[in-house]
């Protein structure tokens, strides 16, 4: 027979798991939006969803690991612990292009400042990500 304390722990555990699944789903949704809108980053949100699912649901965790979104956006970054210059530019240049277009189309100075802040932040983030050589990437791909 379970004691009152054990019942409380299982309820708390269930509430925690449900909260983690809901939070992970929100992060994953934002990550999906980031695929469509280049202003939002995809990788950090998918990674946060993965962490939430890892603690909240084994089934969702395994499912996310097998999605093309994870395999294309998150797994390479985790395996290689960095990005090639080409990969960085293929992500950063379209984003900066869209932000520049939005900047030109907007007349509101406050929104223009927000656009510039987004562009600068995104550029700084990509500069801080470790840069690996294309030869290192090929060697890592062969080993994996």
C-alpha atoms as a PDB file:
ATOM      1  CA  UNK A   1       0.000   0.000   0.000  1.00  0.00           C
ATOM      2  CA  UNK A   2       1.380   3.400  -0.998  1.00  0.00           C
ATOM      3  CA  UNK A   3       1.714   6.092   1.620  1.00  0.00           C
ATOM      4  CA  UNK A   4       0.397   9.600   1.287  1.00  0.00           C
ATOM      5  CA  UNK A   5       3.926  10.880   0.659  1.00  0.00           C
ATOM      6  CA  UNK A   6       4.493   8.425  -2.235  1.00  0.00           C
ATOM      7  CA  UNK A   7       1.176   9.437  -3.839  1.00  0.00           C
ATOM      8  CA  UNK A   8       2.208  13.084  -3.621  1.00  0.00           C
ATOM      9  CA  UNK A   9       5.523  12.338  -5.294  1.00  0.00           C
ATOM     10  CA  UNK A  10       3.891  10.495  -8.180  1.00  0.00           C
ATOM     11  CA  UNK A  11       1.420  13.350  -8.712  1.00  0.00           C
ATOM     12  CA  UNK A  12       4.226  15.875  -8.595  1.00  0.00           C
ATOM     13  CA  UNK A  13       6.203  13.760 -11.020  1.00  0.00           C
ATOM     14  CA  UNK A  14       3.217  13.533 -13.365  1.00  0.00           C
ATOM     15  CA  UNK A  15       2.614  17.295 -13.188  1.00  0.00           C
ATOM     16  CA  UNK A  16       6.307  17.929 -13.873  1.00  0.00           C
ATOM     17  CA  UNK A  17       6.302  15.575 -16.862  1.00  0.00           C
ATOM     18  CA  UNK A  18       3.151  17.147 -18.307  1.00  0.00           C
ATOM     19  CA  UNK A  19       4.607  20.632 -17.813  1.00  0.00           C
ATOM     20  CA  UNK A  20       7.831  19.576 -19.556  1.00  0.00           C
ATOM     21  CA  UNK A  21       5.905  18.084 -22.488  1.00  0.00           C
ATOM     22  CA  UNK A  22       3.827  21.272 -22.840  1.00  0.00           C
ATOM     23  CA  UNK A  23       6.928  23.465 -22.592  1.00  0.00           C
ATOM     24  CA  UNK A  24       8.782  21.246 -25.069  1.00  0.00           C
ATOM     25  CA  UNK A  25       5.854  21.453 -27.471  1.00  0.00           C
ATOM     26  CA  UNK A  26       5.899  25.254 -27.255  1.00  0.00           C
ATOM     27  CA  UNK A  27       9.651  25.335 -27.932  1.00  0.00           C
ATOM     28  CA  UNK A  28       9.223  22.952 -30.855  1.00  0.00           C
ATOM     29  CA  UNK A  29       6.424  25.086 -32.304  1.00  0.00           C
ATOM     30  CA  UNK A  30       8.633  28.189 -32.085  1.00  0.00           C
ATOM     31  CA  UNK A  31      11.418  26.185 -33.733  1.00  0.00           C
ATOM     32  CA  UNK A  32       9.093  25.236 -36.606  1.00  0.00           C
ATOM     33  CA  UNK A  33       8.169  28.907 -37.020  1.00  0.00           C
ATOM     34  CA  UNK A  34      11.910  29.660 -37.111  1.00  0.00           C
ATOM     35  CA  UNK A  35      12.251  27.439 -40.183  1.00  0.00           C
ATOM     36  CA  UNK A  36       9.750  29.657 -42.016  1.00  0.00           C
ATOM     37  CA  UNK A  37      10.723  33.038 -40.535  1.00  0.00           C
ATOM     38  CA  UNK A  38      14.460  33.602 -40.754  1.00  0.00           C
ATOM     39  CA  UNK A  39      14.300  36.170 -37.939  1.00  0.00           C
ATOM     40  CA  UNK A  40      13.687  33.417 -35.350  1.00  0.00           C
ATOM     41  CA  UNK A  41      16.454  30.924 -34.612  1.00  0.00           C
ATOM     42  CA  UNK A  42      15.473  27.287 -35.071  1.00  0.00           C
ATOM     43  CA  UNK A  43      18.290  25.325 -33.476  1.00  0.00           C
ATOM     44  CA  UNK A  44      18.098  26.628 -29.879  1.00  0.00           C
ATOM     45  CA  UNK A  45      14.349  26.077 -29.685  1.00  0.00           C
ATOM     46  CA  UNK A  46      14.537  22.550 -31.091  1.00  0.00           C
ATOM     47  CA  UNK A  47      17.369  21.826 -28.660  1.00  0.00           C
ATOM     48  CA  UNK A  48      15.274  23.139 -25.720  1.00  0.00           C
ATOM     49  CA  UNK A  49      12.349  21.001 -26.882  1.00  0.00           C
ATOM     50  CA  UNK A  50      14.664  17.995 -26.983  1.00  0.00           C
ATOM     51  CA  UNK A  51      15.773  18.639 -23.396  1.00  0.00           C
ATOM     52  CA  UNK A  52      12.175  19.011 -22.206  1.00  0.00           C
ATOM     53  CA  UNK A  53      11.083  15.839 -23.992  1.00  0.00           C
ATOM     54  CA  UNK A  54      14.101  13.967 -22.629  1.00  0.00           C
ATOM     55  CA  UNK A  55      12.821  14.548 -19.078  1.00  0.00           C
ATOM     56  CA  UNK A  56       9.102  14.560 -19.868  1.00  0.00           C
ATOM     57  CA  UNK A  57       8.427  11.840 -22.440  1.00  0.00           C
ATOM     58  CA  UNK A  58      10.637   9.083 -23.807  1.00  0.00           C
ATOM     59  CA  UNK A  59       8.325   8.612 -26.779  1.00  0.00           C
ATOM     60  CA  UNK A  60       8.416  12.291 -27.812  1.00  0.00           C
ATOM     61  CA  UNK A  61      12.160  12.415 -27.224  1.00  0.00           C
ATOM     62  CA  UNK A  62      12.742   9.457 -29.563  1.00  0.00           C
ATOM     63  CA  UNK A  63      10.316  10.924 -32.101  1.00  0.00           C
ATOM     64  CA  UNK A  64      12.118  14.283 -32.144  1.00  0.00           C
ATOM     65  CA  UNK A  65      15.509  12.597 -32.556  1.00  0.00           C
ATOM     66  CA  UNK A  66      14.191  10.955 -35.726  1.00  0.00           C
ATOM     67  CA  UNK A  67      12.677  14.072 -37.333  1.00  0.00           C
ATOM     68  CA  UNK A  68      14.370  15.700 -40.302  1.00  0.00           C
ATOM     69  CA  UNK A  69      14.231  19.028 -38.465  1.00  0.00           C
ATOM     70  CA  UNK A  70      16.471  17.657 -35.711  1.00  0.00           C
ATOM     71  CA  UNK A  71      18.729  15.773 -38.098  1.00  0.00           C
ATOM     72  CA  UNK A  72      19.271  18.819 -40.338  1.00  0.00           C
ATOM     73  CA  UNK A  73      19.445  21.629 -37.782  1.00  0.00           C
ATOM     74  CA  UNK A  74      20.575  20.322 -34.395  1.00  0.00           C
ATOM     75  CA  UNK A  75      22.456  17.036 -34.814  1.00  0.00           C
ATOM     76  CA  UNK A  76      25.245  18.406 -37.024  1.00  0.00           C
ATOM     77  CA  UNK A  77      25.892  21.222 -34.578  1.00  0.00           C
ATOM     78  CA  UNK A  78      26.073  18.810 -31.638  1.00  0.00           C
ATOM     79  CA  UNK A  79      28.273  16.273 -33.441  1.00  0.00           C
ATOM     80  CA  UNK A  80      30.730  18.764 -34.870  1.00  0.00           C
ATOM     81  CA  UNK A  81      30.597  21.306 -32.033  1.00  0.00           C
ATOM     82  CA  UNK A  82      30.709  24.095 -34.584  1.00  0.00           C
ATOM     83  CA  UNK A  83      29.848  25.215 -38.099  1.00  0.00           C
ATOM     84  CA  UNK A  84      31.759  25.801 -41.297  1.00  0.00           C
ATOM     85  CA  UNK A  85      31.979  29.324 -42.688  1.00  0.00           C
ATOM     86  CA  UNK A  86      29.790  28.196 -45.574  1.00  0.00           C
ATOM     87  CA  UNK A  87      27.089  26.883 -43.195  1.00  0.00           C
ATOM     88  CA  UNK A  88      27.172  30.089 -41.171  1.00  0.00           C
ATOM     89  CA  UNK A  89      26.866  32.259 -44.267  1.00  0.00           C
ATOM     90  CA  UNK A  90      24.098  30.121 -45.783  1.00  0.00           C
ATOM     91  CA  UNK A  91      22.020  30.854 -42.690  1.00  0.00           C
ATOM     92  CA  UNK A  92      23.135  34.382 -41.874  1.00  0.00           C
ATOM     93  CA  UNK A  93      22.998  36.006 -45.325  1.00  0.00           C
ATOM     94  CA  UNK A  94      19.322  35.217 -46.073  1.00  0.00           C
ATOM     95  CA  UNK A  95      18.368  36.397 -42.584  1.00  0.00           C
ATOM     96  CA  UNK A  96      20.271  39.644 -43.011  1.00  0.00           C
ATOM     97  CA  UNK A  97      18.694  40.046 -46.458  1.00  0.00           C
ATOM     98  CA  UNK A  98      15.177  39.710 -45.055  1.00  0.00           C
ATOM     99  CA  UNK A  99      15.983  42.041 -42.158  1.00  0.00           C
ATOM    100  CA  UNK A 100      17.420  44.613 -44.570  1.00  0.00           C
ATOM    101  CA  UNK A 101      14.280  44.425 -46.715  1.00  0.00           C
ATOM    102  CA  UNK A 102      12.062  44.861 -43.654  1.00  0.00           C
ATOM    103  CA  UNK A 103      14.243  47.764 -42.486  1.00  0.00           C
ATOM    104  CA  UNK A 104      13.830  49.522 -45.840  1.00  0.00           C
ATOM    105  CA  UNK A 105      10.065  48.936 -45.947  1.00  0.00           C
ATOM    106  CA  UNK A 106       9.405  50.135 -42.392  1.00  0.00           C
ATOM    107  CA  UNK A 107       9.183  53.824 -41.607  1.00  0.00           C
ATOM    108  CA  UNK A 108       8.796  53.512 -37.836  1.00  0.00           C
ATOM    109  CA  UNK A 109      12.141  54.415 -36.213  1.00  0.00           C
ATOM    110  CA  UNK A 110      11.509  52.208 -33.164  1.00  0.00           C
ATOM    111  CA  UNK A 111      10.917  49.148 -35.335  1.00  0.00           C
ATOM    112  CA  UNK A 112      13.986  50.009 -37.389  1.00  0.00           C
ATOM    113  CA  UNK A 113      16.063  50.011 -34.193  1.00  0.00           C
ATOM    114  CA  UNK A 114      14.609  46.604 -33.286  1.00  0.00           C
ATOM    115  CA  UNK A 115      15.530  45.284 -36.752  1.00  0.00           C
ATOM    116  CA  UNK A 116      19.109  46.567 -36.422  1.00  0.00           C
ATOM    117  CA  UNK A 117      19.365  45.051 -32.919  1.00  0.00           C
ATOM    118  CA  UNK A 118      18.154  41.697 -34.284  1.00  0.00           C
ATOM    119  CA  UNK A 119      20.666  41.797 -37.127  1.00  0.00           C
ATOM    120  CA  UNK A 120      23.553  42.696 -34.823  1.00  0.00           C
ATOM    121  CA  UNK A 121      22.564  40.050 -32.256  1.00  0.00           C
ATOM    122  CA  UNK A 122      22.222  37.348 -34.889  1.00  0.00           C
ATOM    123  CA  UNK A 123      25.610  38.266 -36.380  1.00  0.00           C
ATOM    124  CA  UNK A 124      27.307  38.211 -32.966  1.00  0.00           C
ATOM    125  CA  UNK A 125      25.794  34.810 -32.180  1.00  0.00           C
ATOM    126  CA  UNK A 126      27.127  33.368 -35.433  1.00  0.00           C
ATOM    127  CA  UNK A 127      30.551  34.896 -34.856  1.00  0.00           C
ATOM    128  CA  UNK A 128      30.700  33.276 -31.404  1.00  0.00           C
ATOM    129  CA  UNK A 129      29.813  29.803 -32.738  1.00  0.00           C
ATOM    130  CA  UNK A 130      33.018  27.846 -33.240  1.00  0.00           C
ATOM    131  CA  UNK A 131      34.109  27.810 -36.878  1.00  0.00           C
ATOM    132  CA  UNK A 132      35.391  24.494 -38.189  1.00  0.00           C
ATOM    133  CA  UNK A 133      37.158  23.923 -41.481  1.00  0.00           C
ATOM    134  CA  UNK A 134      35.403  22.110 -44.284  1.00  0.00           C
ATOM    135  CA  UNK A 135      38.130  19.443 -44.145  1.00  0.00           C
ATOM    136  CA  UNK A 136      37.377  18.836 -40.446  1.00  0.00           C
ATOM    137  CA  UNK A 137      33.692  18.507 -41.286  1.00  0.00           C
ATOM    138  CA  UNK A 138      34.407  15.896 -43.973  1.00  0.00           C
ATOM    139  CA  UNK A 139      36.621  13.914 -41.591  1.00  0.00           C
ATOM    140  CA  UNK A 140      33.948  14.002 -38.872  1.00  0.00           C
ATOM    141  CA  UNK A 141      31.290  12.946 -41.387  1.00  0.00           C
ATOM    142  CA  UNK A 142      33.369   9.937 -42.413  1.00  0.00           C
ATOM    143  CA  UNK A 143      33.830   8.852 -38.790  1.00  0.00           C
ATOM    144  CA  UNK A 144      30.158   9.183 -37.896  1.00  0.00           C
END
